[in-house]
N, C-alpha and C. Protein backbone atom coordinates (compact mmCIF):
# COMPACT_ATOMS: atom_id res chain seq x y z
N MET A 1 149.56 174.55 149.89
CA MET A 1 150.59 173.67 149.62
C MET A 1 151.26 173.34 151.09
N ILE A 2 151.73 172.11 150.76
CA ILE A 2 152.53 171.90 152.29
C ILE A 2 153.98 171.40 151.67
N ASP A 3 154.56 172.01 152.39
CA ASP A 3 156.24 172.01 152.52
C ASP A 3 156.58 170.26 153.24
N LEU A 4 157.04 169.52 152.84
CA LEU A 4 157.51 168.56 153.67
C LEU A 4 159.51 168.39 153.69
N PRO A 5 159.52 167.79 154.57
CA PRO A 5 161.14 167.62 154.81
C PRO A 5 161.92 166.94 153.66
N LEU A 6 163.13 167.47 153.20
CA LEU A 6 163.71 166.65 152.03
C LEU A 6 164.14 164.78 152.80
N THR A 7 164.40 164.08 152.16
CA THR A 7 164.74 162.79 152.42
C THR A 7 166.42 163.16 152.46
N GLN A 8 166.94 161.92 152.83
CA GLN A 8 168.20 162.14 153.34
C GLN A 8 168.73 162.21 151.91
N SER A 9 168.43 161.34 150.79
CA SER A 9 169.12 161.43 149.71
C SER A 9 168.71 162.91 148.51
N GLN A 10 167.79 163.52 148.80
CA GLN A 10 167.66 164.92 148.37
C GLN A 10 168.06 165.89 149.38
N SER A 11 168.53 165.51 150.57
CA SER A 11 169.56 166.85 151.51
C SER A 11 170.69 166.77 150.56
N LEU A 12 171.37 165.38 150.10
CA LEU A 12 172.58 165.53 149.82
C LEU A 12 172.62 166.12 148.42
N ILE A 13 171.72 165.95 147.54
CA ILE A 13 172.10 166.65 146.24
C ILE A 13 171.63 167.68 146.61
N TRP A 14 170.88 168.16 147.52
CA TRP A 14 170.44 169.73 147.52
C TRP A 14 171.90 170.23 148.42
N LEU A 15 172.67 169.79 149.14
CA LEU A 15 174.22 170.21 149.54
C LEU A 15 175.02 170.10 148.40
N GLY A 16 174.97 169.50 147.67
CA GLY A 16 175.90 169.54 146.23
C GLY A 16 175.59 170.66 145.46
N GLN A 17 174.38 170.60 145.54
CA GLN A 17 174.29 172.06 144.59
C GLN A 17 174.17 173.23 145.25
N GLN A 18 174.38 173.25 146.82
CA GLN A 18 174.64 174.48 147.31
C GLN A 18 176.10 174.56 147.38
N VAL A 19 176.95 173.84 147.65
CA VAL A 19 178.56 173.81 147.20
C VAL A 19 179.24 174.44 145.88
N HIS A 20 178.23 173.57 144.99
CA HIS A 20 178.75 173.75 143.43
C HIS A 20 177.53 174.02 142.41
N PRO A 21 177.14 175.25 142.35
CA PRO A 21 175.85 175.47 142.07
C PRO A 21 175.98 175.74 140.64
N ASP A 22 177.20 175.87 139.98
CA ASP A 22 177.06 175.33 138.38
C ASP A 22 177.40 174.27 137.87
N ALA A 23 177.60 173.09 138.85
CA ALA A 23 177.89 172.01 138.17
C ALA A 23 176.74 170.70 137.87
N PRO A 24 176.26 169.89 137.18
CA PRO A 24 175.32 169.38 136.99
C PRO A 24 175.33 168.21 137.79
N LEU A 25 175.42 168.64 139.09
CA LEU A 25 175.62 167.21 139.75
C LEU A 25 174.25 166.52 139.54
N TYR A 26 174.33 165.07 139.86
CA TYR A 26 173.22 164.03 139.66
C TYR A 26 172.41 164.31 138.40
N ASN A 27 173.10 165.08 137.52
CA ASN A 27 172.19 165.17 136.12
C ASN A 27 172.30 163.87 135.45
N MET A 28 170.96 163.22 134.93
CA MET A 28 171.37 161.95 133.72
C MET A 28 170.62 162.37 132.72
N VAL A 29 170.97 161.85 131.41
CA VAL A 29 170.44 162.35 130.21
C VAL A 29 170.03 160.82 129.92
N PHE A 30 168.93 161.09 129.48
CA PHE A 30 168.58 159.84 128.26
C PHE A 30 168.06 160.57 127.01
N ALA A 31 167.68 159.58 126.16
CA ALA A 31 167.41 160.02 124.99
C ALA A 31 166.44 158.67 124.35
N PHE A 32 165.63 159.25 124.09
CA PHE A 32 164.47 158.42 123.39
C PHE A 32 164.18 158.14 122.09
N THR A 33 164.80 157.36 121.26
CA THR A 33 164.10 157.46 119.76
C THR A 33 162.96 156.81 118.96
N LEU A 34 162.22 157.43 118.72
CA LEU A 34 160.61 156.85 118.23
C LEU A 34 160.65 157.03 117.21
N GLU A 35 160.25 155.63 116.43
CA GLU A 35 160.50 154.71 115.53
C GLU A 35 159.06 155.19 114.45
N GLY A 36 159.02 155.38 113.26
CA GLY A 36 157.43 156.12 112.69
C GLY A 36 156.42 156.87 113.27
N GLU A 37 155.54 157.00 112.59
CA GLU A 37 154.67 158.08 113.05
C GLU A 37 154.11 158.48 114.28
N VAL A 38 154.01 159.49 114.84
CA VAL A 38 153.58 159.76 116.58
C VAL A 38 152.32 160.28 116.00
N ASP A 39 151.55 160.03 116.93
CA ASP A 39 150.29 160.91 116.77
C ASP A 39 150.38 161.48 117.97
N ALA A 40 150.07 163.29 117.89
CA ALA A 40 150.65 164.14 118.77
C ALA A 40 149.59 164.14 119.57
N ASP A 41 148.32 163.71 119.62
CA ASP A 41 147.11 164.06 120.51
C ASP A 41 147.55 162.72 121.21
N THR A 42 148.15 161.83 121.17
CA THR A 42 148.18 160.69 121.83
C THR A 42 149.09 160.70 122.74
N PHE A 43 150.23 161.46 122.10
CA PHE A 43 151.59 161.91 123.10
C PHE A 43 151.31 162.71 123.91
N ARG A 44 150.59 163.89 123.83
CA ARG A 44 150.01 164.95 124.90
C ARG A 44 149.28 164.45 125.59
N ALA A 45 148.64 163.47 125.68
CA ALA A 45 147.80 162.81 126.69
C ALA A 45 148.75 161.84 127.41
N ALA A 46 149.42 161.28 126.76
CA ALA A 46 150.34 160.58 127.98
C ALA A 46 151.51 161.41 128.49
N PHE A 47 151.92 162.21 128.18
CA PHE A 47 152.62 162.77 128.58
C PHE A 47 152.19 163.89 129.63
N GLN A 48 150.74 164.10 129.59
CA GLN A 48 150.08 165.08 130.48
C GLN A 48 149.66 163.81 131.75
N ARG A 49 149.34 162.63 131.61
CA ARG A 49 148.99 161.70 132.52
C ARG A 49 150.58 161.23 133.49
N ALA A 50 151.54 161.36 132.67
CA ALA A 50 153.03 161.24 133.37
C ALA A 50 152.80 161.96 134.34
N MET A 51 152.79 163.47 133.87
CA MET A 51 152.74 164.61 134.71
C MET A 51 152.06 164.75 136.02
N ASP A 52 150.88 164.08 135.56
CA ASP A 52 149.41 164.39 136.90
C ASP A 52 149.83 163.02 138.00
N GLU A 53 150.23 161.98 137.23
CA GLU A 53 150.50 160.61 138.26
C GLU A 53 151.61 160.42 138.85
N THR A 54 153.03 161.22 138.81
CA THR A 54 154.09 161.35 139.26
C THR A 54 154.60 162.46 139.82
N ASP A 55 154.24 162.48 140.78
CA ASP A 55 154.87 163.46 141.99
C ASP A 55 156.06 164.22 141.77
N VAL A 56 157.27 163.53 141.87
CA VAL A 56 158.33 163.67 141.48
C VAL A 56 158.76 164.76 140.44
N LEU A 57 158.19 164.70 139.32
CA LEU A 57 158.10 165.43 138.08
C LEU A 57 157.44 166.81 138.26
N ARG A 58 157.14 167.18 139.63
CA ARG A 58 156.19 168.01 139.75
C ARG A 58 157.05 168.56 141.40
N THR A 59 158.08 168.06 141.64
CA THR A 59 158.41 168.46 142.75
C THR A 59 159.69 169.37 142.85
N VAL A 60 159.52 170.21 143.89
CA VAL A 60 160.76 171.50 143.78
C VAL A 60 161.29 171.94 145.08
N VAL A 61 162.46 172.14 145.37
CA VAL A 61 162.97 172.67 146.48
C VAL A 61 162.97 173.71 147.20
N VAL A 62 162.09 174.35 147.96
CA VAL A 62 162.19 175.73 148.49
C VAL A 62 162.78 176.09 149.82
N ASP A 63 162.89 177.34 149.93
CA ASP A 63 163.29 177.44 151.41
C ASP A 63 162.00 178.20 152.43
N HIS A 64 162.19 176.83 153.46
CA HIS A 64 161.06 177.06 154.37
C HIS A 64 161.68 177.29 155.70
N ALA A 65 161.68 178.93 156.04
CA ALA A 65 162.20 179.63 157.63
C ALA A 65 163.65 178.78 157.61
N GLY A 66 164.23 179.07 156.10
CA GLY A 66 165.93 179.09 156.28
C GLY A 66 166.05 177.08 156.24
N GLU A 67 165.22 176.56 156.07
CA GLU A 67 165.41 175.23 155.59
C GLU A 67 164.80 174.61 154.41
N PRO A 68 165.94 173.90 154.06
CA PRO A 68 165.27 173.26 152.55
C PRO A 68 164.39 172.33 152.60
N CYS A 69 163.03 172.51 151.77
CA CYS A 69 162.29 171.76 151.60
C CYS A 69 161.30 171.46 150.65
N GLN A 70 160.66 169.97 150.33
CA GLN A 70 160.28 169.73 148.92
C GLN A 70 158.99 170.19 148.93
N ARG A 71 158.32 170.75 147.70
CA ARG A 71 157.08 171.13 147.67
C ARG A 71 156.69 170.51 146.06
N ILE A 72 155.48 169.89 146.44
CA ILE A 72 154.97 169.27 145.19
C ILE A 72 153.66 169.95 144.83
N ALA A 73 154.12 170.70 143.35
CA ALA A 73 153.28 171.47 142.76
C ALA A 73 151.95 170.28 142.04
N PRO A 74 150.83 171.43 142.46
CA PRO A 74 149.44 170.65 141.76
C PRO A 74 149.70 170.42 140.41
N ALA A 75 149.05 168.94 139.98
CA ALA A 75 148.78 168.75 139.03
C ALA A 75 148.41 170.33 137.86
N ALA A 76 149.07 170.31 136.55
CA ALA A 76 148.73 171.55 135.58
C ALA A 76 148.77 171.21 133.84
N SER A 77 148.23 171.64 133.36
CA SER A 77 148.44 171.54 132.33
C SER A 77 150.08 171.20 131.69
N ALA A 78 150.32 170.69 130.95
CA ALA A 78 151.56 170.39 130.38
C ALA A 78 151.13 170.70 129.06
N ASN A 79 151.80 172.26 128.67
CA ASN A 79 151.85 172.38 127.64
C ASN A 79 152.99 171.94 126.20
N LEU A 80 152.53 171.41 125.38
CA LEU A 80 153.62 170.59 124.67
C LEU A 80 153.83 171.29 123.18
N ASP A 81 155.03 172.00 122.57
CA ASP A 81 154.65 172.47 121.24
C ASP A 81 155.29 171.30 120.59
N ILE A 82 154.88 170.87 119.28
CA ILE A 82 155.16 169.67 118.30
C ILE A 82 155.79 170.21 117.25
N LEU A 83 157.31 169.66 117.34
CA LEU A 83 157.84 170.37 116.15
C LEU A 83 157.97 169.01 115.03
N ASP A 84 157.70 169.18 113.84
CA ASP A 84 157.89 168.59 112.87
C ASP A 84 158.96 168.48 112.10
N PHE A 85 160.17 167.92 112.19
CA PHE A 85 161.03 167.57 111.08
C PHE A 85 161.30 166.50 109.99
N SER A 86 160.30 166.47 110.10
CA SER A 86 159.99 164.96 108.92
C SER A 86 160.16 165.58 107.51
N THR A 87 159.92 166.84 106.92
CA THR A 87 160.16 166.97 105.38
C THR A 87 161.54 168.05 105.81
N HIS A 88 162.21 167.93 106.72
CA HIS A 88 163.72 168.36 106.73
C HIS A 88 164.51 167.51 105.82
N SER A 89 165.91 167.83 105.09
CA SER A 89 166.53 167.17 104.44
C SER A 89 167.65 166.40 105.40
N SER A 90 167.38 167.01 106.77
CA SER A 90 168.09 165.90 107.70
C SER A 90 167.18 165.79 108.93
N PRO A 91 166.33 164.59 108.73
CA PRO A 91 165.29 164.95 110.07
C PRO A 91 165.70 164.51 111.30
N ASP A 92 167.14 163.74 111.36
CA ASP A 92 167.42 163.20 112.25
C ASP A 92 168.11 164.71 113.61
């Protein structure tokens, strides 16, 4: 695995987390509502493809000789548990 230097933006995020480790700086929440029936196998395949093709979803910051660096993890199997709430009294 190769450690790469952080970009300027990544460095600023890293610094912010060092100064305020318990603050959720730069976290953004998105919610998606899927209408209708979802085919679990198709969803798993799409999620796996997104993980395989999107380096940023597999990038972590590591310490390399005292300096923060980015490391991109190799593609791996994305194990997803499927929870079906459709039969619950309040499925939302």
